[in-house]
N, C-alpha and C. Protein backbone atom coordinates (compact mmCIF):
# COMPACT_ATOMS: atom_id res chain seq x y z
N MET A 1 196.35 -131.82 66.48
CA MET A 1 196.12 -131.06 67.49
C MET A 1 195.73 -131.36 68.44
N ASN A 2 196.23 -131.29 69.77
CA ASN A 2 195.74 -132.01 70.86
C ASN A 2 194.44 -131.45 71.73
N THR A 3 194.19 -131.92 72.54
CA THR A 3 192.90 -131.45 72.91
C THR A 3 192.85 -130.62 74.15
N ARG A 4 193.98 -130.25 74.37
CA ARG A 4 194.25 -128.86 75.33
C ARG A 4 194.57 -127.95 74.45
N SER A 5 195.17 -127.95 72.81
CA SER A 5 195.30 -126.53 72.04
C SER A 5 193.55 -126.56 71.62
N LYS A 6 192.85 -127.49 71.53
CA LYS A 6 191.24 -127.32 71.24
C LYS A 6 190.78 -126.61 72.33
N THR A 7 191.21 -126.69 73.27
CA THR A 7 190.53 -126.04 74.45
C THR A 7 190.63 -124.76 74.55
N VAL A 8 191.93 -124.19 74.69
CA VAL A 8 192.43 -123.22 74.39
C VAL A 8 191.93 -122.14 73.20
N SER A 9 192.11 -122.76 72.16
CA SER A 9 191.34 -121.97 71.03
C SER A 9 190.08 -121.70 71.05
N GLY A 10 189.50 -122.63 71.26
CA GLY A 10 187.95 -122.36 71.77
C GLY A 10 187.54 -121.21 72.84
N SER A 11 188.48 -121.59 73.98
CA SER A 11 188.29 -120.54 75.08
C SER A 11 188.69 -118.93 74.79
N LEU A 12 190.07 -119.22 73.65
CA LEU A 12 190.28 -117.65 72.96
C LEU A 12 189.05 -117.30 72.52
N LEU A 13 188.59 -117.99 71.41
CA LEU A 13 187.25 -117.54 70.96
C LEU A 13 186.14 -117.02 71.49
N TRP A 14 186.01 -117.72 72.46
CA TRP A 14 185.02 -117.08 73.23
C TRP A 14 185.05 -116.07 73.86
N MET A 15 186.52 -115.97 74.18
CA MET A 15 186.51 -114.61 75.10
C MET A 15 186.62 -113.43 73.67
N LEU A 16 187.06 -113.71 72.88
CA LEU A 16 187.10 -112.62 71.62
C LEU A 16 185.30 -112.32 71.76
N LEU A 17 184.53 -113.22 71.35
CA LEU A 17 183.09 -112.97 70.85
C LEU A 17 182.80 -112.45 72.41
N ALA A 18 182.84 -112.89 73.61
CA ALA A 18 182.00 -112.13 74.48
C ALA A 18 182.99 -110.39 74.86
N THR A 19 184.01 -110.28 74.30
CA THR A 19 184.29 -109.04 74.68
C THR A 19 183.62 -108.16 73.61
N ALA A 20 183.72 -108.60 72.24
CA ALA A 20 182.76 -108.03 71.66
C ALA A 20 181.64 -107.90 71.53
N ALA A 21 180.80 -108.58 71.99
CA ALA A 21 179.29 -108.17 72.59
C ALA A 21 179.37 -107.00 73.77
N GLN A 22 180.21 -107.18 74.64
CA GLN A 22 180.01 -106.63 75.83
C GLN A 22 180.12 -104.91 75.27
N ALA A 23 180.86 -104.93 74.57
CA ALA A 23 180.70 -103.69 73.89
C ALA A 23 179.23 -102.74 73.35
N GLN A 24 177.99 -103.60 73.09
CA GLN A 24 177.29 -102.77 72.96
C GLN A 24 175.89 -103.03 73.80
N ASN A 25 176.30 -102.93 75.21
CA ASN A 25 175.52 -103.18 76.31
C ASN A 25 174.73 -101.78 76.74
N TYR A 26 173.93 -101.32 75.55
CA TYR A 26 172.97 -99.97 75.75
C TYR A 26 171.69 -100.74 75.89
N ALA A 27 170.81 -100.15 77.30
CA ALA A 27 169.77 -100.70 77.33
C ALA A 27 168.47 -99.63 78.16
N ILE A 28 167.65 -99.92 77.78
CA ILE A 28 166.44 -98.89 78.85
C ILE A 28 166.03 -99.92 79.84
N THR A 29 166.71 -99.96 80.77
CA THR A 29 165.98 -100.54 81.87
C THR A 29 164.81 -100.46 82.71
N TRP A 30 164.41 -99.30 82.79
CA TRP A 30 163.03 -98.84 82.89
C TRP A 30 162.59 -97.65 82.37
N TYR A 31 161.58 -97.18 82.70
CA TYR A 31 160.99 -96.15 82.07
C TYR A 31 159.53 -95.62 82.85
N THR A 32 159.22 -94.32 82.63
CA THR A 32 157.84 -94.21 83.17
C THR A 32 157.15 -93.09 82.25
N VAL A 33 156.15 -92.61 82.21
CA VAL A 33 155.25 -91.94 81.35
C VAL A 33 154.99 -90.73 82.37
N ASP A 34 155.12 -89.31 81.91
CA ASP A 34 154.97 -88.59 83.23
C ASP A 34 154.63 -87.32 82.71
N GLY A 35 154.03 -85.96 82.77
CA GLY A 35 153.20 -84.85 82.59
C GLY A 35 155.09 -83.84 82.71
N GLY A 36 154.73 -82.69 82.24
CA GLY A 36 155.92 -81.58 82.85
C GLY A 36 157.41 -82.21 81.61
N GLY A 37 158.51 -82.14 82.75
CA GLY A 37 159.46 -82.40 81.97
C GLY A 37 160.82 -82.25 82.49
N GLY A 38 161.96 -82.28 81.88
CA GLY A 38 163.11 -81.83 82.37
C GLY A 38 164.49 -82.79 81.61
N THR A 39 165.11 -83.07 82.51
CA THR A 39 166.79 -83.19 81.86
C THR A 39 167.30 -84.62 82.81
N SER A 40 167.21 -85.90 82.25
CA SER A 40 168.15 -86.82 82.66
C SER A 40 169.35 -87.16 82.21
N THR A 41 170.55 -87.38 83.02
CA THR A 41 172.10 -87.51 82.96
C THR A 41 172.78 -88.10 83.67
N ASN A 42 173.44 -88.99 82.89
CA ASN A 42 174.33 -90.22 83.55
C ASN A 42 175.43 -90.52 82.54
N GLY A 43 176.49 -89.71 83.30
CA GLY A 43 177.87 -90.13 82.34
C GLY A 43 178.00 -89.05 81.41
N VAL A 44 178.15 -89.64 79.95
CA VAL A 44 178.26 -88.65 79.12
C VAL A 44 176.92 -88.24 78.19
N TYR A 45 175.74 -88.99 78.71
CA TYR A 45 174.62 -89.16 78.22
C TYR A 45 173.50 -88.16 78.73
N THR A 46 172.98 -87.49 78.02
CA THR A 46 171.93 -86.72 78.65
C THR A 46 170.67 -86.27 77.79
N VAL A 47 169.14 -86.74 78.23
CA VAL A 47 168.14 -86.69 77.16
C VAL A 47 167.43 -85.66 78.26
N SER A 48 166.77 -84.89 77.38
CA SER A 48 166.22 -83.27 77.87
C SER A 48 164.53 -83.70 77.12
N GLY A 49 163.07 -83.19 77.70
CA GLY A 49 162.07 -83.19 76.66
C GLY A 49 161.04 -83.35 77.99
N THR A 50 159.91 -83.45 77.27
CA THR A 50 158.72 -83.01 77.81
C THR A 50 157.68 -84.26 76.94
N ILE A 51 156.19 -84.63 78.00
CA ILE A 51 155.44 -85.64 76.99
C ILE A 51 154.52 -84.59 76.68
N GLY A 52 153.95 -85.19 75.30
CA GLY A 52 152.81 -84.20 74.47
C GLY A 52 153.21 -83.49 73.82
N GLN A 53 154.61 -83.25 73.88
CA GLN A 53 155.20 -81.55 73.18
C GLN A 53 155.19 -82.19 71.75
N PRO A 54 154.55 -81.50 70.74
CA PRO A 54 154.45 -82.14 68.79
C PRO A 54 155.82 -82.14 68.66
N ASP A 55 156.63 -81.29 68.97
CA ASP A 55 158.12 -81.54 68.62
C ASP A 55 158.91 -81.27 69.49
N ALA A 56 159.82 -81.90 70.06
CA ALA A 56 161.19 -81.96 71.07
C ALA A 56 162.24 -81.78 70.77
N GLY A 57 162.30 -81.73 68.93
CA GLY A 57 164.01 -81.00 68.81
C GLY A 57 164.68 -82.22 68.66
N THR A 58 165.72 -82.20 68.21
CA THR A 58 166.95 -82.53 68.44
C THR A 58 168.20 -82.97 69.28
N LEU A 59 168.55 -84.07 69.73
CA LEU A 59 169.37 -83.97 70.40
C LEU A 59 170.68 -85.28 70.02
N THR A 60 171.90 -84.60 69.86
CA THR A 60 172.96 -85.36 69.36
C THR A 60 174.23 -85.28 70.16
N GLY A 61 175.13 -86.51 70.07
CA GLY A 61 175.95 -86.02 71.17
C GLY A 61 177.11 -87.09 70.68
N GLY A 62 178.12 -87.26 70.09
CA GLY A 62 178.85 -87.97 69.94
C GLY A 62 178.36 -88.80 68.07
N ASN A 63 178.25 -90.30 68.36
CA ASN A 63 177.60 -90.89 67.03
C ASN A 63 176.01 -91.18 67.41
N PHE A 64 175.50 -90.38 68.55
CA PHE A 64 173.74 -90.88 68.87
C PHE A 64 173.18 -89.87 68.64
N THR A 65 172.17 -89.78 68.00
CA THR A 65 171.41 -88.41 67.63
C THR A 65 169.63 -89.16 68.35
N LEU A 66 169.27 -88.21 68.90
CA LEU A 66 167.78 -88.51 69.66
C LEU A 66 166.94 -87.77 69.02
N GLN A 67 165.76 -87.70 68.14
CA GLN A 67 164.81 -87.03 67.17
C GLN A 67 163.65 -87.10 68.58
N GLY A 68 162.98 -86.35 68.57
CA GLY A 68 162.21 -86.00 69.44
C GLY A 68 160.85 -85.58 68.53
N GLY A 69 159.68 -85.77 69.37
CA GLY A 69 158.45 -85.50 68.98
C GLY A 69 157.49 -86.56 68.29
N PHE A 70 156.18 -86.43 67.81
CA PHE A 70 155.26 -87.57 67.63
C PHE A 70 155.57 -87.95 65.73
N TRP A 71 155.42 -89.21 65.42
CA TRP A 71 155.78 -89.73 64.55
C TRP A 71 154.47 -89.23 63.48
N GLY A 72 154.61 -88.59 62.48
CA GLY A 72 153.84 -88.19 61.53
C GLY A 72 152.78 -89.26 60.81
N VAL A 73 151.71 -89.02 60.36
CA VAL A 73 150.86 -90.12 59.82
C VAL A 73 151.04 -90.11 58.01
N VAL A 74 151.37 -90.79 57.23
CA VAL A 74 150.91 -90.23 55.77
C VAL A 74 150.40 -91.59 55.26
N ALA A 75 149.16 -91.06 55.07
CA ALA A 75 148.07 -92.44 55.01
C ALA A 75 147.08 -92.06 53.81
N ALA A 76 146.67 -93.23 53.02
CA ALA A 76 145.85 -93.22 51.85
C ALA A 76 144.38 -93.34 52.48
N VAL A 77 143.43 -92.58 52.05
CA VAL A 77 142.00 -92.83 51.82
C VAL A 77 141.26 -93.10 51.07
N PRO A 78 140.71 -94.31 51.55
CA PRO A 78 139.51 -94.83 49.95
C PRO A 78 138.50 -94.55 50.18
N VAL A 79 138.73 -94.19 48.94
CA VAL A 79 137.17 -93.56 47.83
C VAL A 79 136.39 -94.77 47.11
N PRO A 80 135.16 -94.96 47.69
CA PRO A 80 134.34 -96.20 46.75
C PRO A 80 134.52 -95.72 45.50
N GLY A 81 134.74 -96.89 44.50
CA GLY A 81 134.99 -96.85 43.02
C GLY A 81 136.28 -96.26 42.67
N ALA A 82 137.03 -95.62 43.04
CA ALA A 82 138.65 -95.02 42.93
C ALA A 82 139.62 -96.13 42.71
N PRO A 83 140.71 -95.87 41.61
CA PRO A 83 141.84 -96.69 41.81
C PRO A 83 142.37 -96.97 43.19
N LEU A 84 142.62 -98.13 43.33
CA LEU A 84 143.69 -98.13 44.60
C LEU A 84 144.74 -97.45 44.95
N LEU A 85 145.10 -96.47 46.21
CA LEU A 85 145.93 -95.07 46.24
C LEU A 85 146.88 -96.24 46.84
N THR A 86 148.57 -95.95 46.96
CA THR A 86 149.29 -96.70 47.56
C THR A 86 150.27 -95.58 47.92
N ILE A 87 150.70 -95.79 48.84
CA ILE A 87 151.70 -94.88 49.39
C ILE A 87 153.19 -95.54 50.08
N THR A 88 153.96 -95.55 49.49
CA THR A 88 155.30 -95.61 49.92
C THR A 88 156.82 -95.11 50.53
N ARG A 89 157.07 -95.24 51.51
CA ARG A 89 158.12 -94.43 51.97
C ARG A 89 159.24 -94.88 51.03
N THR A 90 160.69 -93.66 50.71
CA THR A 90 161.75 -94.10 50.36
C THR A 90 162.84 -93.86 51.69
N ALA A 91 164.05 -94.06 50.75
CA ALA A 91 165.12 -93.98 52.04
C ALA A 91 165.66 -92.72 51.62
N THR A 92 165.12 -92.23 50.78
CA THR A 92 165.65 -90.19 50.72
C THR A 92 164.57 -89.45 51.30
N ASN A 93 164.19 -89.37 51.85
CA ASN A 93 163.51 -88.56 53.07
C ASN A 93 162.18 -88.44 52.35
N SER A 94 161.34 -89.42 51.54
CA SER A 94 160.30 -88.68 50.35
C SER A 94 159.07 -90.10 50.66
N VAL A 95 158.09 -89.36 50.05
CA VAL A 95 156.85 -90.93 49.87
C VAL A 95 156.42 -90.86 48.41
N ILE A 96 155.69 -91.83 47.82
CA ILE A 96 155.57 -92.16 46.88
C ILE A 96 154.15 -92.31 46.62
N VAL A 97 153.46 -91.23 46.22
CA VAL A 97 151.49 -91.50 46.01
C VAL A 97 151.78 -92.05 44.71
N SER A 98 150.92 -93.14 44.68
CA SER A 98 150.81 -94.00 43.44
C SER A 98 149.53 -94.60 42.99
N TRP A 99 148.98 -94.79 42.06
CA TRP A 99 147.52 -95.42 41.62
C TRP A 99 147.97 -96.00 40.38
N PRO A 100 146.98 -97.30 40.01
CA PRO A 100 146.60 -97.85 38.54
C PRO A 100 146.46 -96.89 37.35
N LEU A 101 146.46 -96.99 36.54
CA LEU A 101 145.98 -96.51 35.22
C LEU A 101 145.50 -97.81 34.95
N PRO A 102 144.21 -97.27 33.72
CA PRO A 102 143.65 -95.54 33.58
C PRO A 102 142.85 -95.10 34.80
N ALA A 103 143.04 -93.78 35.00
CA ALA A 103 142.19 -93.16 36.17
C ALA A 103 141.75 -92.01 35.48
N ASP A 104 140.95 -92.08 34.84
CA ASP A 104 140.62 -90.89 33.88
C ASP A 104 139.33 -90.24 34.76
N GLY A 105 140.09 -88.76 34.89
CA GLY A 105 138.91 -88.14 35.66
C GLY A 105 138.88 -87.76 37.22
N TRP A 106 140.28 -88.82 37.40
CA TRP A 106 140.19 -88.52 39.14
C TRP A 106 141.29 -87.53 39.04
N VAL A 107 141.38 -87.08 40.17
CA VAL A 107 142.26 -86.17 40.62
C VAL A 107 142.99 -86.46 42.03
N LEU A 108 144.30 -85.98 42.35
CA LEU A 108 144.81 -86.20 43.54
C LEU A 108 144.95 -85.17 44.63
N GLU A 109 144.47 -85.34 45.70
CA GLU A 109 143.80 -84.35 46.49
C GLU A 109 144.63 -85.03 47.98
N GLN A 110 144.99 -84.05 48.91
CA GLN A 110 145.82 -84.01 50.20
C GLN A 110 145.15 -83.11 51.12
N VAL A 111 145.59 -83.89 52.66
CA VAL A 111 144.74 -82.74 53.82
C VAL A 111 145.69 -83.16 54.71
N SER A 112 145.84 -82.25 55.73
CA SER A 112 146.54 -82.79 57.06
C SER A 112 145.79 -83.00 58.24
N ALA A 113 144.40 -83.21 57.99
CA ALA A 113 143.58 -83.74 58.83
C ALA A 113 142.62 -83.94 58.52
N VAL A 114 142.01 -85.55 58.54
CA VAL A 114 140.74 -85.89 57.95
C VAL A 114 139.95 -85.09 58.03
N THR A 115 139.41 -84.80 59.29
CA THR A 115 137.88 -84.02 59.68
C THR A 115 138.23 -82.79 60.18
N GLY A 116 137.30 -81.80 59.56
CA GLY A 116 137.34 -80.42 59.61
C GLY A 116 138.72 -79.63 59.14
N ALA A 117 139.24 -80.37 57.97
CA ALA A 117 140.06 -79.39 57.19
C ALA A 117 139.41 -79.68 55.30
N SER A 118 139.66 -78.55 54.57
CA SER A 118 139.40 -78.51 53.66
C SER A 118 140.39 -79.98 52.44
N TRP A 119 140.28 -80.31 51.41
CA TRP A 119 140.98 -81.15 50.59
C TRP A 119 141.49 -80.27 49.74
N SER A 120 142.97 -80.18 49.34
CA SER A 120 143.53 -79.18 48.62
C SER A 120 143.75 -80.36 47.49
N GLN A 121 143.57 -80.00 46.22
CA GLN A 121 143.95 -80.71 44.80
C GLN A 121 145.66 -80.42 44.75
N ILE A 122 146.30 -81.73 44.27
CA ILE A 122 147.75 -81.52 43.55
C ILE A 122 147.32 -81.67 42.55
N SER A 123 147.48 -80.43 41.52
CA SER A 123 147.47 -80.02 39.97
C SER A 123 148.33 -81.52 39.43
N PRO A 124 147.99 -82.09 38.52
CA PRO A 124 148.94 -82.91 37.44
C PRO A 124 149.53 -81.85 36.60
N PRO A 125 150.78 -82.10 35.70
CA PRO A 125 150.79 -83.57 35.66
C PRO A 125 151.82 -84.93 36.37
N TYR A 126 151.04 -85.56 36.71
CA TYR A 126 151.81 -86.57 37.38
C TYR A 126 152.81 -87.59 36.46
N THR A 127 153.64 -88.29 36.61
CA THR A 127 154.51 -89.39 36.31
C THR A 127 153.56 -90.16 36.23
N ASN A 128 153.94 -91.25 35.05
CA ASN A 128 153.30 -92.50 34.58
C ASN A 128 154.20 -93.38 33.65
N ASP A 129 154.10 -94.24 33.91
CA ASP A 129 154.87 -95.65 32.54
C ASP A 129 153.58 -96.00 31.89
N GLY A 130 152.77 -95.73 31.75
CA GLY A 130 151.65 -96.32 31.25
C GLY A 130 150.34 -97.29 31.60
N THR A 131 151.27 -97.66 33.35
CA THR A 131 150.40 -98.70 33.75
C THR A 131 150.00 -98.03 35.23
N ARG A 132 150.73 -97.32 35.39
CA ARG A 132 150.49 -96.80 36.72
C ARG A 132 151.22 -95.01 36.55
N ALA A 133 150.15 -94.47 37.71
CA ALA A 133 150.92 -92.70 37.65
C ALA A 133 150.87 -92.56 39.29
N TRP A 134 152.12 -91.50 39.37
CA TRP A 134 152.73 -91.62 40.69
C TRP A 134 152.72 -90.09 40.78
N LEU A 135 153.34 -89.57 42.00
CA LEU A 135 153.94 -88.23 42.37
C LEU A 135 154.62 -88.89 43.29
N VAL A 136 156.10 -88.34 43.74
CA VAL A 136 156.98 -87.95 44.75
C VAL A 136 157.24 -86.72 45.94
N VAL A 137 156.80 -87.03 46.59
CA VAL A 137 156.83 -85.66 47.50
C VAL A 137 157.37 -85.84 48.47
N PRO A 138 158.23 -84.95 49.42
CA PRO A 138 158.77 -84.77 50.69
C PRO A 138 158.31 -85.13 51.78
N THR A 139 158.52 -86.33 52.91
CA THR A 139 157.93 -86.66 54.09
C THR A 139 157.43 -84.99 54.65
N PRO A 140 156.28 -85.65 54.81
CA PRO A 140 155.82 -83.87 55.50
C PRO A 140 155.97 -84.12 57.15
N THR A 141 156.39 -83.35 57.84
CA THR A 141 156.20 -82.86 59.10
C THR A 141 154.60 -82.75 59.29
N GLY A 142 154.57 -83.78 60.34
CA GLY A 142 153.14 -83.85 60.57
C GLY A 142 152.03 -85.14 59.87
N ASN A 143 151.20 -84.89 60.19
CA ASN A 143 149.97 -85.35 59.62
C ASN A 143 149.91 -85.23 58.15
N ARG A 144 149.62 -86.41 56.68
CA ARG A 144 149.35 -86.04 55.84
C ARG A 144 148.65 -87.15 54.97
N TYR A 145 147.31 -87.04 54.85
CA TYR A 145 146.36 -87.61 53.49
C TYR A 145 146.30 -87.75 52.89
N TYR A 146 146.15 -88.35 51.89
CA TYR A 146 146.08 -88.62 50.48
C TYR A 146 144.93 -89.23 49.87
N ARG A 147 144.01 -88.98 48.69
CA ARG A 147 142.64 -89.49 47.77
C ARG A 147 142.66 -89.13 46.82
N LEU A 148 142.18 -89.81 45.85
CA LEU A 148 141.64 -89.74 44.92
C LEU A 148 140.50 -89.31 44.79
N ARG A 149 139.74 -88.30 43.96
CA ARG A 149 138.48 -88.12 44.10
C ARG A 149 138.24 -87.56 42.38
N LYS A 150 136.72 -87.80 42.39
CA LYS A 150 136.50 -87.35 40.64
C LYS A 150 135.73 -86.18 40.72
N PRO A 151 135.86 -84.90 40.39
CA PRO A 151 135.13 -84.01 40.68
C PRO A 151 134.02 -83.92 39.97
């Protein structure tokens, strides 16, 4: 292979890579945070919404989906002396709330706001393998807090 054919091959490869990379030129080049709301349109893309709206809904078009609203919080609230509570998100739109065993006398509770709301007990039985207990729950809309409490 001579130098000219190496250069042509290298140039052809570079052009193919550059063409493939150009197909992915999506960017948000500027933004602003304002009150009110409205619609922005450019070609085939349209975005509508407002700031501070708890659930702005879902926008879809072609292969794109824009899910609006705020991200909810799913969190463990530590309780002194309680087994360590762990929360894990799954790929199937649920969360696993788990804790180590033994945990005799401890009950699992949930609430949507840490202050000003009453905790409600999630009644057993919980799944366990002898070393950990757990409960699988759908990912909540909004916030959800979990704790272990010994009544």
